[in-house]
N, C-alpha and C. Protein backbone atom coordinates (compact mmCIF):
# COMPACT_ATOMS: atom_id res chain seq x y z
N ASP A 1 3.69 6.52 2.00
CA ASP A 1 4.19 6.51 0.59
C ASP A 1 3.90 5.03 0.07
N LEU A 2 3.02 4.88 -0.87
CA LEU A 2 2.76 3.59 -1.38
C LEU A 2 3.85 2.93 -2.17
N ASN A 3 4.78 3.79 -2.71
CA ASN A 3 5.88 3.23 -3.49
C ASN A 3 7.05 2.82 -2.63
N ASN A 4 7.12 3.25 -1.32
CA ASN A 4 8.27 2.97 -0.54
C ASN A 4 7.90 2.45 0.82
N THR A 5 7.22 1.27 0.81
CA THR A 5 6.75 0.65 2.16
C THR A 5 7.86 -0.06 2.86
N LYS A 6 8.92 -0.34 2.17
CA LYS A 6 9.90 -1.13 2.82
C LYS A 6 10.69 -0.41 3.95
N GLU A 7 10.88 0.85 3.73
CA GLU A 7 11.68 1.65 4.78
C GLU A 7 10.81 2.30 5.91
N LYS A 8 9.57 2.65 5.58
CA LYS A 8 8.90 3.49 6.50
C LYS A 8 7.73 2.88 7.29
N CYS A 9 7.31 1.73 6.80
CA CYS A 9 6.09 1.20 7.35
C CYS A 9 6.15 -0.18 8.01
N PRO A 10 6.65 -0.30 9.19
CA PRO A 10 6.79 -1.67 9.77
C PRO A 10 5.39 -2.21 10.07
N ARG A 11 4.36 -1.36 10.37
CA ARG A 11 3.01 -1.84 10.49
C ARG A 11 2.49 -2.54 9.22
N VAL A 12 2.70 -1.83 8.18
CA VAL A 12 2.24 -2.40 6.82
C VAL A 12 2.97 -3.63 6.46
N GLN A 13 4.20 -3.66 6.80
CA GLN A 13 5.02 -4.86 6.48
C GLN A 13 4.48 -6.00 7.33
N ARG A 14 4.21 -5.81 8.59
CA ARG A 14 3.73 -6.84 9.44
C ARG A 14 2.39 -7.34 8.99
N LEU A 15 1.54 -6.46 8.69
CA LEU A 15 0.18 -6.84 8.26
C LEU A 15 0.21 -7.59 6.95
N ALA A 16 1.05 -7.18 6.02
CA ALA A 16 1.23 -7.87 4.76
C ALA A 16 1.80 -9.23 4.96
N ARG A 17 2.75 -9.39 5.79
CA ARG A 17 3.39 -10.71 6.05
C ARG A 17 2.29 -11.67 6.67
N VAL A 18 1.58 -11.20 7.64
CA VAL A 18 0.61 -12.04 8.32
C VAL A 18 -0.54 -12.39 7.52
N SER A 19 -1.03 -11.45 6.64
CA SER A 19 -2.24 -11.65 5.83
C SER A 19 -1.93 -12.31 4.46
N GLY A 20 -0.68 -12.30 4.08
CA GLY A 20 -0.31 -12.97 2.79
C GLY A 20 -0.60 -12.04 1.64
N VAL A 21 -0.75 -10.79 1.82
CA VAL A 21 -1.12 -9.72 0.75
C VAL A 21 0.12 -8.88 0.62
N ASP A 22 0.27 -8.34 -0.63
CA ASP A 22 1.41 -7.50 -0.86
C ASP A 22 1.29 -6.21 -0.12
N GLU A 23 2.45 -5.59 0.18
CA GLU A 23 2.55 -4.34 1.04
C GLU A 23 1.76 -3.20 0.48
N ARG A 24 1.79 -3.05 -0.87
CA ARG A 24 1.13 -1.95 -1.51
C ARG A 24 -0.41 -2.05 -1.27
N SER A 25 -0.95 -3.21 -1.35
CA SER A 25 -2.37 -3.42 -1.08
C SER A 25 -2.74 -3.13 0.32
N VAL A 26 -1.86 -3.52 1.19
CA VAL A 26 -2.22 -3.24 2.62
C VAL A 26 -2.05 -1.67 2.96
N ALA A 27 -1.08 -1.07 2.30
CA ALA A 27 -0.89 0.35 2.56
C ALA A 27 -2.13 1.04 1.97
N LEU A 28 -2.60 0.70 0.83
CA LEU A 28 -3.89 1.32 0.24
C LEU A 28 -5.08 1.15 1.11
N PHE A 29 -5.15 -0.15 1.65
CA PHE A 29 -6.35 -0.44 2.53
C PHE A 29 -6.29 0.48 3.78
N VAL A 30 -5.08 0.65 4.33
CA VAL A 30 -5.00 1.39 5.57
C VAL A 30 -5.29 2.88 5.27
N ALA A 31 -4.79 3.40 4.11
CA ALA A 31 -5.05 4.77 3.78
C ALA A 31 -6.55 4.97 3.59
N GLU A 32 -7.18 4.06 2.87
CA GLU A 32 -8.69 4.18 2.75
C GLU A 32 -9.39 4.14 4.01
N PHE A 33 -9.03 3.26 4.93
CA PHE A 33 -9.56 3.11 6.21
C PHE A 33 -9.48 4.42 6.98
N GLU A 34 -8.29 4.98 7.00
CA GLU A 34 -8.06 6.28 7.72
C GLU A 34 -8.98 7.38 7.11
N ALA A 35 -9.05 7.40 5.81
CA ALA A 35 -9.95 8.43 5.18
C ALA A 35 -11.33 8.29 5.62
N MET A 36 -11.78 6.97 5.58
CA MET A 36 -13.16 6.80 6.05
C MET A 36 -13.39 7.13 7.48
N ARG A 37 -12.42 6.85 8.28
CA ARG A 37 -12.51 7.20 9.71
C ARG A 37 -12.63 8.70 9.92
N GLN A 38 -11.73 9.45 9.22
CA GLN A 38 -11.81 10.89 9.27
C GLN A 38 -13.10 11.42 8.79
N SER A 39 -13.62 10.88 7.69
CA SER A 39 -14.88 11.49 7.18
C SER A 39 -16.01 11.13 8.14
N THR A 40 -16.04 9.97 8.74
CA THR A 40 -17.02 9.64 9.67
C THR A 40 -17.07 10.56 10.91
N GLN A 41 -15.83 10.85 11.39
CA GLN A 41 -15.75 11.79 12.52
C GLN A 41 -16.23 13.17 12.14
N ARG A 42 -15.83 13.66 11.01
CA ARG A 42 -16.25 15.00 10.55
C ARG A 42 -17.76 15.07 10.40
N ILE A 43 -18.40 14.04 9.87
CA ILE A 43 -19.85 14.04 9.71
C ILE A 43 -20.54 13.98 11.07
N ALA A 44 -19.94 13.18 11.93
CA ALA A 44 -20.49 13.07 13.31
C ALA A 44 -20.44 14.41 14.05
N GLU A 45 -19.40 15.21 13.76
CA GLU A 45 -19.34 16.55 14.37
C GLU A 45 -20.22 17.59 13.72
N GLY A 46 -20.93 17.18 12.67
CA GLY A 46 -21.94 18.10 12.10
C GLY A 46 -21.62 18.68 10.78
N GLU A 47 -20.46 18.33 10.17
CA GLU A 47 -20.16 18.88 8.86
C GLU A 47 -21.12 18.21 7.82
N ASP A 48 -21.26 18.98 6.72
CA ASP A 48 -22.15 18.57 5.62
C ASP A 48 -21.45 17.20 4.95
N PRO A 49 -22.25 16.16 4.96
CA PRO A 49 -21.68 14.92 4.39
C PRO A 49 -21.29 15.02 2.91
N ASP A 50 -22.00 15.77 2.16
CA ASP A 50 -21.63 15.91 0.72
C ASP A 50 -20.30 16.69 0.61
N LYS A 51 -20.16 17.67 1.43
CA LYS A 51 -18.86 18.41 1.39
C LYS A 51 -17.69 17.47 1.77
N VAL A 52 -17.86 16.74 2.85
CA VAL A 52 -16.84 15.88 3.35
C VAL A 52 -16.50 14.90 2.29
N ASN A 53 -17.49 14.26 1.74
CA ASN A 53 -17.19 13.19 0.73
C ASN A 53 -16.55 13.80 -0.51
N ALA A 54 -16.92 14.93 -0.90
CA ALA A 54 -16.36 15.61 -2.04
C ALA A 54 -14.84 15.91 -1.79
N GLU A 55 -14.53 16.36 -0.60
CA GLU A 55 -13.11 16.63 -0.26
C GLU A 55 -12.30 15.38 -0.16
N ILE A 56 -12.83 14.37 0.40
CA ILE A 56 -12.11 13.09 0.50
C ILE A 56 -12.05 12.38 -0.81
N GLY A 57 -13.06 12.51 -1.66
CA GLY A 57 -13.06 11.90 -2.99
C GLY A 57 -12.02 12.39 -3.87
N SER A 58 -11.60 13.66 -3.69
CA SER A 58 -10.62 14.23 -4.53
C SER A 58 -9.28 14.08 -3.89
N SER A 59 -8.49 13.07 -4.28
CA SER A 59 -7.21 12.81 -3.66
C SER A 59 -6.07 13.73 -4.21
N ASN A 60 -6.45 14.44 -5.25
CA ASN A 60 -5.44 15.38 -5.74
C ASN A 60 -5.36 16.65 -4.93
N ARG A 61 -4.27 16.98 -4.43
CA ARG A 61 -4.14 18.10 -3.49
C ARG A 61 -4.50 19.45 -4.29
N ALA A 62 -4.09 19.58 -5.49
CA ALA A 62 -4.47 20.82 -6.22
C ALA A 62 -5.98 20.87 -6.40
N GLN A 63 -6.67 19.84 -6.61
CA GLN A 63 -8.13 19.82 -6.72
C GLN A 63 -8.80 20.32 -5.38
N ARG A 64 -8.23 19.72 -4.30
CA ARG A 64 -8.74 20.10 -2.94
C ARG A 64 -8.60 21.60 -2.69
N ARG A 65 -7.47 22.09 -2.99
CA ARG A 65 -7.14 23.51 -2.79
C ARG A 65 -8.08 24.37 -3.62
N ALA A 66 -8.27 23.95 -4.96
CA ALA A 66 -9.15 24.67 -5.83
C ALA A 66 -10.63 24.71 -5.34
N MET A 67 -11.05 23.58 -4.75
CA MET A 67 -12.35 23.51 -4.23
C MET A 67 -12.52 24.45 -2.98
N LYS A 68 -11.57 24.49 -2.22
CA LYS A 68 -11.53 25.36 -1.04
C LYS A 68 -11.55 26.76 -1.38
N LYS A 69 -10.72 27.11 -2.35
CA LYS A 69 -10.66 28.51 -2.87
C LYS A 69 -11.99 28.97 -3.47
N ALA A 70 -12.64 28.02 -4.26
CA ALA A 70 -13.92 28.35 -4.88
C ALA A 70 -14.99 28.52 -3.80
N GLU A 71 -14.85 27.74 -2.74
CA GLU A 71 -15.83 27.90 -1.64
C GLU A 71 -15.72 29.23 -0.89
N LYS A 72 -14.46 29.57 -0.67
CA LYS A 72 -14.24 30.98 -0.08
C LYS A 72 -14.78 32.04 -0.93
N LYS A 73 -14.55 31.93 -2.20
CA LYS A 73 -15.06 32.96 -3.16
C LYS A 73 -16.54 33.10 -3.07
N LYS A 74 -17.21 31.90 -2.96
CA LYS A 74 -18.65 31.77 -3.03
C LYS A 74 -19.14 32.48 -1.67
N LYS A 75 -18.54 32.20 -0.58
CA LYS A 75 -18.93 32.84 0.73
C LYS A 75 -18.74 34.32 0.69
N SER A 76 -17.60 34.77 0.11
CA SER A 76 -17.31 36.27 0.11
C SER A 76 -18.31 36.98 -0.80
N ALA A 77 -18.73 36.31 -1.87
CA ALA A 77 -19.69 36.85 -2.81
C ALA A 77 -21.07 37.06 -2.14
N ARG A 78 -21.36 36.21 -1.16
CA ARG A 78 -22.69 36.28 -0.50
C ARG A 78 -22.78 37.45 0.47
N THR A 79 -21.64 37.81 1.03
CA THR A 79 -21.65 38.92 2.07
C THR A 79 -21.25 40.26 1.39
C-alpha cells in the first residue's frame, strides 16, 4: 500500500532511509520492479509479449477483468 508504508513495509523503510529517498518513491519503484520481473518471466515462458504488456500496463483491476472477459468471449466465439 503506497499510502501506508510506515506500518507494513520495513524493507521500504530501510531502502528509503539508506538511499535518502521518500518511502512512497521507493515503494513505487519496488512495485514497478516486481511487475517488470513478472512480465519478463511470463514472456520467457512463452506468453505473447503484447498480451503480457497490456495486462501489466492496466493497473486498474476492473480493466484487467474486463480484458480477460473480452478475451474469453473472443475465444468462445471462435469455437
